[in-house]
Amino acid sequence: MKSSVFILLILSFFTFDILGQDTIFTKKYDTISALILEILPQTVKFKKSENLGGPTYTENKSEIIKIIYNNGSVEVFQTKNDDQISHSKEKGARRANLLVTLGPSLFTLTGSPTDNKFRFSITGGVGIQIPLEDKRINFIEFLLMSDQKGAKLKDRTIGYEGALYEITNLKQSMDYVSLDISYKRYFSSRKQFFLTFGFYGGYLYKSQVDGDAKNINTSEIVPYGGDLSGFYNTFDGGGQFGLGACFLIGKGIYAFNLVPEIRYSRSLGDILKSRYGADFSEFNSGYILLIGIQSTF
C-alpha cells in the first residue's frame, strides 16, 4: 500500500510537468498563456495553453515585452531598431526566489524494533532558492524548518506502586527547528521536474511522551507521560533526498509557482547505527510531503 502511494506521488510530478505554462506579455497589453516551442532570431513560436493540440502561432519579437517561463525565469525582449532585434535576460535573472512550504511528515524513532512505528505530523518552513546560473536550472536552497518527529509506541503493561497499568495510545514527539541546505536541479526540458539532495542541522527544543494508563484492577484511566528532553541530544543532523515539480499558477503580478515535493531524510545517528551498530535511539528517519508556494521574481 505504501509503495502504491509513493508511485502515485511520483507519477503526479510528471503530470505537473505536462500541465505547466509559459506566459507571454505583448506590447498590445495582451497576456497569452502558452507553451513556448521555439525562439528564433526574429520570432517566437508557441501553442496556446487552452488548445495544445491546435495550431502553432508565431509572434514577432518586436511585439513581445517579456516571457515568464513556468519555472519563474523571465526573458525580456528589447528592440534596437526596425531591422535589428535582440533579447536579453532580465537583470534579475539570478535573483533569489522566496519559498514557503507546509505539509505532512511521516517519521519514526530508531529505538526498539517493537516500537518502530511511523507517526504523522505537520512540517512547515520558509526559505530562499538561489539560482547558480542565468538558465535557472541549478539552485542552492536554504530552508528554515519547524517539524515534529516521533513515533507511535506499542501498548505495554507496567507496574507502579503495587498496581498494574495497561499503557495505550502511547506517542512520542520530538520538536525540532532545523536549517536545510540543498542542491536542486531541474531535469525536464521545461524546467519543472527536479531532483534535490543535501543535509540539515537541527535543534531539539522539546521531547514529550503522552498516553493513557488504565488500572487493570479498577479500570480507572489516568494520563501517562512527561517531558523527556533531558534524555536526548540537543543537536541533530543528517542527509536528505527529494523529488518534486514546479508549475506556474496565475498571471502577471499575481503569478506564483506551486511546488510539490516528496523528501526522505535520515539522521546522521541513524546512519552511524546501521554502519557501526551503535544505539542512537533518539534519532529519526522518514518521509515529508511538502507543498510549497514559490515567488516568480
Protein backbone atom coordinates (compact mmCIF):
# COMPACT_ATOMS: atom_id res chain seq x y z
CA MET A 1 0.00 0.00 0.00
CA LYS A 2 2.80 2.44 0.94
CA SER A 3 4.61 1.61 -2.31
CA SER A 4 1.47 2.34 -4.35
CA VAL A 5 1.02 5.74 -2.71
CA PHE A 6 4.68 6.61 -3.31
CA ILE A 7 4.42 5.62 -7.01
CA LEU A 8 1.27 7.70 -7.44
CA LEU A 9 3.04 10.73 -5.93
CA ILE A 10 5.97 10.35 -8.31
CA LEU A 11 3.63 9.98 -11.31
CA SER A 12 1.79 13.11 -10.24
CA PHE A 13 5.03 15.08 -10.57
CA PHE A 14 5.25 14.06 -14.24
CA THR A 15 1.66 15.16 -14.68
CA PHE A 16 2.54 18.58 -13.30
CA ASP A 17 5.34 18.74 -15.83
CA ILE A 18 2.83 18.40 -18.64
CA LEU A 19 0.37 20.95 -17.25
CA GLY A 20 2.81 23.82 -16.74
CA GLN A 21 2.54 27.01 -18.80
CA ASP A 22 4.58 29.97 -20.00
CA THR A 23 3.15 33.49 -20.12
CA ILE A 24 3.75 35.95 -22.98
CA PHE A 25 3.26 39.68 -22.44
CA THR A 26 2.83 41.71 -25.67
CA LYS A 27 3.10 45.42 -26.47
CA LYS A 28 -0.64 45.36 -27.20
CA TYR A 29 -1.15 44.61 -23.48
CA ASP A 30 -2.25 41.03 -24.22
CA THR A 31 -1.34 38.23 -21.83
CA ILE A 32 -1.08 34.83 -23.53
CA SER A 33 -0.84 31.53 -21.64
CA ALA A 34 1.30 29.40 -23.90
CA LEU A 35 3.72 26.54 -24.43
CA ILE A 36 6.88 28.02 -25.97
CA LEU A 37 8.10 25.76 -28.79
CA GLU A 38 11.00 27.70 -30.32
CA ILE A 39 12.67 31.10 -30.12
CA LEU A 40 14.13 32.20 -33.45
CA PRO A 41 16.23 35.31 -34.20
CA GLN A 42 13.14 37.33 -35.21
CA THR A 43 10.11 35.40 -33.97
CA VAL A 44 8.73 33.17 -31.20
CA LYS A 45 6.71 30.03 -31.95
CA PHE A 46 4.19 28.76 -29.41
CA LYS A 47 0.94 26.92 -28.80
CA LYS A 48 -1.85 28.32 -26.66
CA SER A 49 -2.26 26.50 -23.34
CA GLU A 50 -6.00 26.10 -23.76
CA ASN A 51 -5.50 24.28 -27.08
CA LEU A 52 -2.16 22.46 -27.11
CA GLY A 53 -3.38 20.22 -29.92
CA GLY A 54 -4.28 23.23 -32.06
CA PRO A 55 -2.27 25.41 -34.45
CA THR A 56 1.22 26.75 -33.85
CA TYR A 57 1.34 30.54 -33.53
CA THR A 58 4.20 32.86 -34.47
CA GLU A 59 4.76 36.29 -32.92
CA ASN A 60 7.43 38.83 -33.82
CA LYS A 61 9.84 39.60 -31.02
CA SER A 62 9.27 43.27 -31.71
CA GLU A 63 5.69 42.80 -30.43
CA ILE A 64 6.71 40.99 -27.22
CA ILE A 65 7.68 42.71 -23.97
CA LYS A 66 8.68 39.63 -21.98
CA ILE A 67 8.04 35.92 -21.36
CA ILE A 68 7.69 34.41 -17.88
CA TYR A 69 8.56 30.71 -18.09
CA ASN A 70 6.84 28.10 -15.94
CA ASN A 71 9.82 27.79 -13.57
CA GLY A 72 9.76 31.51 -12.79
CA SER A 73 12.60 32.73 -15.03
CA VAL A 74 11.90 35.88 -17.06
CA GLU A 75 13.14 36.76 -20.55
CA VAL A 76 12.82 40.38 -21.70
CA PHE A 77 12.82 41.35 -25.39
CA GLN A 78 14.30 44.69 -26.45
CA THR A 79 14.03 46.27 -29.90
CA LYS A 80 17.20 48.07 -31.01
CA ASN A 81 15.73 49.27 -34.33
CA ASP A 82 13.35 48.14 -37.07
CA ASP A 83 15.85 45.72 -38.60
CA GLN A 84 17.85 44.61 -35.57
CA ILE A 85 16.20 42.78 -32.66
CA SER A 86 17.91 41.29 -29.69
CA HIS A 87 16.74 39.71 -26.48
CA SER A 88 18.43 39.51 -23.12
CA LYS A 89 17.77 38.01 -19.75
CA GLU A 90 16.14 40.32 -17.27
CA LYS A 91 18.62 41.99 -14.96
CA GLY A 92 17.37 40.00 -12.03
CA ALA A 93 17.78 36.60 -13.65
CA ARG A 94 19.79 35.39 -10.69
CA ARG A 95 17.56 36.95 -8.09
CA ALA A 96 16.62 34.53 -5.31
CA ASN A 97 13.11 33.04 -5.15
CA LEU A 98 11.16 33.15 -1.91
CA LEU A 99 9.67 29.85 -0.75
CA VAL A 100 7.03 28.93 1.86
CA THR A 101 6.26 25.24 2.48
CA LEU A 102 3.80 23.21 4.52
CA GLY A 103 2.90 19.55 4.54
CA PRO A 104 2.53 16.24 6.38
CA SER A 105 5.51 14.23 7.58
CA LEU A 106 5.77 10.54 8.41
CA PHE A 107 8.61 9.90 10.87
CA THR A 108 9.70 7.21 13.26
CA LEU A 109 12.18 6.73 16.09
CA THR A 110 15.01 4.28 15.59
CA GLY A 111 14.81 2.65 19.01
CA SER A 112 13.43 -0.78 19.84
CA PRO A 113 12.10 -2.56 16.72
CA THR A 114 8.82 -3.27 18.55
CA ASP A 115 8.29 0.49 18.92
CA ASN A 116 9.44 1.47 15.47
CA LYS A 117 6.07 2.71 14.14
CA PHE A 118 5.63 5.72 11.89
CA ARG A 119 3.66 8.75 13.03
CA PHE A 120 2.06 11.57 11.03
CA SER A 121 2.68 15.21 11.92
CA ILE A 122 2.95 18.61 10.20
CA THR A 123 6.12 20.23 8.85
CA GLY A 124 6.48 23.83 7.68
CA GLY A 125 9.21 26.21 6.65
CA VAL A 126 10.34 29.38 4.89
CA GLY A 127 13.42 29.90 2.77
CA ILE A 128 15.06 31.09 -0.42
CA GLN A 129 16.30 29.48 -3.64
CA ILE A 130 19.38 30.99 -5.26
CA PRO A 131 19.99 30.20 -8.96
CA LEU A 132 23.57 29.34 -9.81
CA GLU A 133 23.36 30.48 -13.45
CA ASP A 134 21.14 32.55 -15.76
CA LYS A 135 19.42 29.48 -17.20
CA ARG A 136 18.00 28.81 -13.71
CA ILE A 137 18.48 25.06 -13.86
CA ASN A 138 20.74 24.66 -10.81
CA PHE A 139 19.80 26.12 -7.44
CA ILE A 140 21.00 26.22 -3.86
CA GLU A 141 18.11 26.19 -1.39
CA PHE A 142 18.15 27.35 2.24
CA LEU A 143 15.04 26.32 4.18
CA LEU A 144 14.33 27.04 7.85
CA MET A 145 12.01 24.24 9.03
CA SER A 146 9.90 23.53 12.07
CA ASP A 147 8.86 19.92 12.34
CA GLN A 148 7.79 17.26 14.78
CA LYS A 149 9.38 13.85 14.55
CA GLY A 150 8.33 10.88 16.60
CA ALA A 151 6.54 7.55 16.73
CA LYS A 152 3.52 5.66 17.93
CA LEU A 153 4.71 3.22 20.59
CA LYS A 154 3.43 -0.26 21.25
CA ASP A 155 0.91 -0.84 24.08
CA ARG A 156 2.51 -2.25 27.23
CA THR A 157 1.80 -3.20 30.83
CA ILE A 158 3.80 -1.72 33.72
CA GLY A 159 3.72 -1.96 37.48
CA TYR A 160 3.51 1.13 39.67
CA GLU A 161 3.07 1.29 43.46
CA GLY A 162 1.75 -2.25 43.63
CA ALA A 163 -0.76 -1.88 40.81
CA LEU A 164 -0.66 -2.96 37.18
CA TYR A 165 -1.40 -0.43 34.45
CA GLU A 166 -2.08 -1.00 30.76
CA ILE A 167 -0.43 1.79 28.77
CA THR A 168 -2.24 2.62 25.50
CA ASN A 169 -2.27 5.36 22.84
CA LEU A 170 1.38 5.98 23.59
CA LYS A 171 3.01 8.61 21.35
CA GLN A 172 6.41 10.22 21.49
CA SER A 173 7.12 13.54 19.81
CA MET A 174 10.39 15.39 19.25
CA ASP A 175 10.03 19.03 18.22
CA TYR A 176 12.83 20.41 16.04
CA VAL A 177 13.91 23.60 14.37
CA SER A 178 16.29 22.82 11.53
CA LEU A 179 18.17 24.51 8.70
CA ASP A 180 18.07 22.51 5.46
CA ILE A 181 20.69 23.26 2.79
CA SER A 182 20.08 21.51 -0.52
CA TYR A 183 21.22 21.44 -4.12
CA LYS A 184 18.31 21.42 -6.59
CA ARG A 185 18.50 20.62 -10.30
CA TYR A 186 15.73 20.72 -12.91
CA PHE A 187 15.83 17.87 -15.45
CA SER A 188 12.79 18.20 -17.68
CA SER A 189 13.02 20.20 -20.90
CA ARG A 190 10.63 22.81 -19.48
CA LYS A 191 12.48 23.01 -16.14
CA GLN A 192 9.71 21.65 -13.97
CA PHE A 193 10.68 18.20 -12.70
CA PHE A 194 13.59 18.39 -10.25
CA LEU A 195 15.90 16.37 -8.03
CA THR A 196 17.23 17.70 -4.73
CA PHE A 197 19.67 16.45 -2.11
CA GLY A 198 21.57 17.96 0.79
CA PHE A 199 21.93 17.98 4.56
CA TYR A 200 20.30 19.51 7.61
CA GLY A 201 21.20 20.55 11.13
CA GLY A 202 18.52 20.52 13.81
CA TYR A 203 17.94 21.76 17.35
CA LEU A 204 15.69 19.73 19.67
CA TYR A 205 13.73 22.10 21.91
CA LYS A 206 11.16 19.64 23.28
CA SER A 207 10.58 15.90 23.61
CA GLN A 208 7.35 14.60 25.07
CA VAL A 209 5.68 11.22 25.58
CA ASP A 210 1.91 11.00 26.11
CA GLY A 211 -0.58 8.19 26.57
CA ASP A 212 -3.30 6.67 28.73
CA ALA A 213 -2.70 4.46 31.78
CA LYS A 214 -5.57 2.11 32.69
CA ASN A 215 -5.55 0.46 36.13
CA ILE A 216 -6.18 -3.20 35.36
CA ASN A 217 -7.95 -3.79 38.69
CA THR A 218 -10.13 -0.65 38.92
CA SER A 219 -10.39 0.29 35.18
CA GLU A 220 -9.52 3.88 36.15
CA ILE A 221 -7.80 5.76 33.31
CA VAL A 222 -5.23 8.46 34.10
CA PRO A 223 -2.85 10.47 31.86
CA TYR A 224 0.59 8.96 31.35
CA GLY A 225 3.74 10.68 30.09
CA GLY A 226 6.05 13.61 30.59
CA ASP A 227 8.95 15.67 29.30
CA LEU A 228 11.86 13.58 28.01
CA SER A 229 14.04 16.40 26.67
CA GLY A 230 16.79 15.71 29.18
CA PHE A 231 17.32 12.18 27.80
CA TYR A 232 18.27 13.27 24.30
CA ASN A 233 20.99 15.16 22.48
CA THR A 234 20.11 18.80 21.85
CA PHE A 235 21.52 18.87 18.30
CA ASP A 236 20.82 16.54 15.41
CA GLY A 237 21.83 16.41 11.76
CA GLY A 238 21.75 14.23 8.69
CA GLY A 239 21.13 13.91 4.97
CA GLN A 240 18.09 14.16 2.72
CA PHE A 241 16.96 13.38 -0.82
CA GLY A 242 13.86 14.50 -2.71
CA LEU A 243 11.89 14.64 -5.96
CA GLY A 244 9.41 17.32 -6.97
CA ALA A 245 7.83 19.52 -9.60
CA CYS A 246 7.23 23.24 -10.16
CA PHE A 247 4.40 24.76 -12.17
CA LEU A 248 3.04 28.25 -12.66
CA ILE A 249 -0.28 29.45 -11.21
CA GLY A 250 -1.88 32.80 -12.06
CA LYS A 251 -0.81 35.60 -14.38
CA GLY A 252 1.23 38.79 -14.28
CA ILE A 253 1.99 40.21 -10.84
CA TYR A 254 -0.31 37.57 -9.32
CA ALA A 255 1.71 34.66 -10.70
CA PHE A 256 3.43 32.19 -8.39
CA ASN A 257 4.86 28.67 -8.56
CA LEU A 258 3.25 25.72 -6.80
CA VAL A 259 5.96 23.25 -5.76
CA PRO A 260 5.00 19.75 -4.55
CA GLU A 261 7.95 17.71 -3.28
CA ILE A 262 8.41 14.39 -1.52
CA ARG A 263 11.55 14.17 0.59
CA TYR A 264 13.25 11.42 2.56
CA SER A 265 15.62 12.36 5.38
CA ARG A 266 17.73 10.29 7.71
CA SER A 267 19.70 11.46 10.69
CA LEU A 268 23.46 11.01 10.99
CA GLY A 269 22.88 8.97 14.15
CA ASP A 270 20.67 6.59 12.20
CA ILE A 271 23.38 6.13 9.57
CA LEU A 272 26.03 5.50 12.23
CA LYS A 273 23.80 2.95 13.92
CA SER A 274 23.30 0.94 10.75
CA ARG A 275 27.00 1.09 9.88
CA TYR A 276 28.68 0.61 13.27
CA GLY A 277 25.97 -0.97 15.44
CA ALA A 278 25.76 1.91 17.94
CA ASP A 279 22.41 2.60 19.61
CA PHE A 280 21.18 6.12 18.80
CA SER A 281 17.53 5.69 19.79
CA GLU A 282 16.82 9.43 19.78
CA PHE A 283 17.40 9.83 16.06
CA ASN A 284 14.76 9.68 13.33
CA SER A 285 14.14 8.87 9.70
CA GLY A 286 11.12 9.28 7.48
CA TYR A 287 9.27 10.97 4.63
CA ILE A 288 7.92 14.50 4.19
CA LEU A 289 5.43 15.63 1.54
CA LEU A 290 5.89 19.39 1.13
CA ILE A 291 3.57 21.70 -0.78
CA GLY A 292 5.38 24.96 -1.44
CA ILE A 293 4.48 28.39 -2.79
CA GLN A 294 7.42 29.98 -4.58
CA SER A 295 7.77 33.50 -5.95
CA THR A 296 8.46 34.03 -9.66
CA PHE A 297 10.79 37.02 -9.15
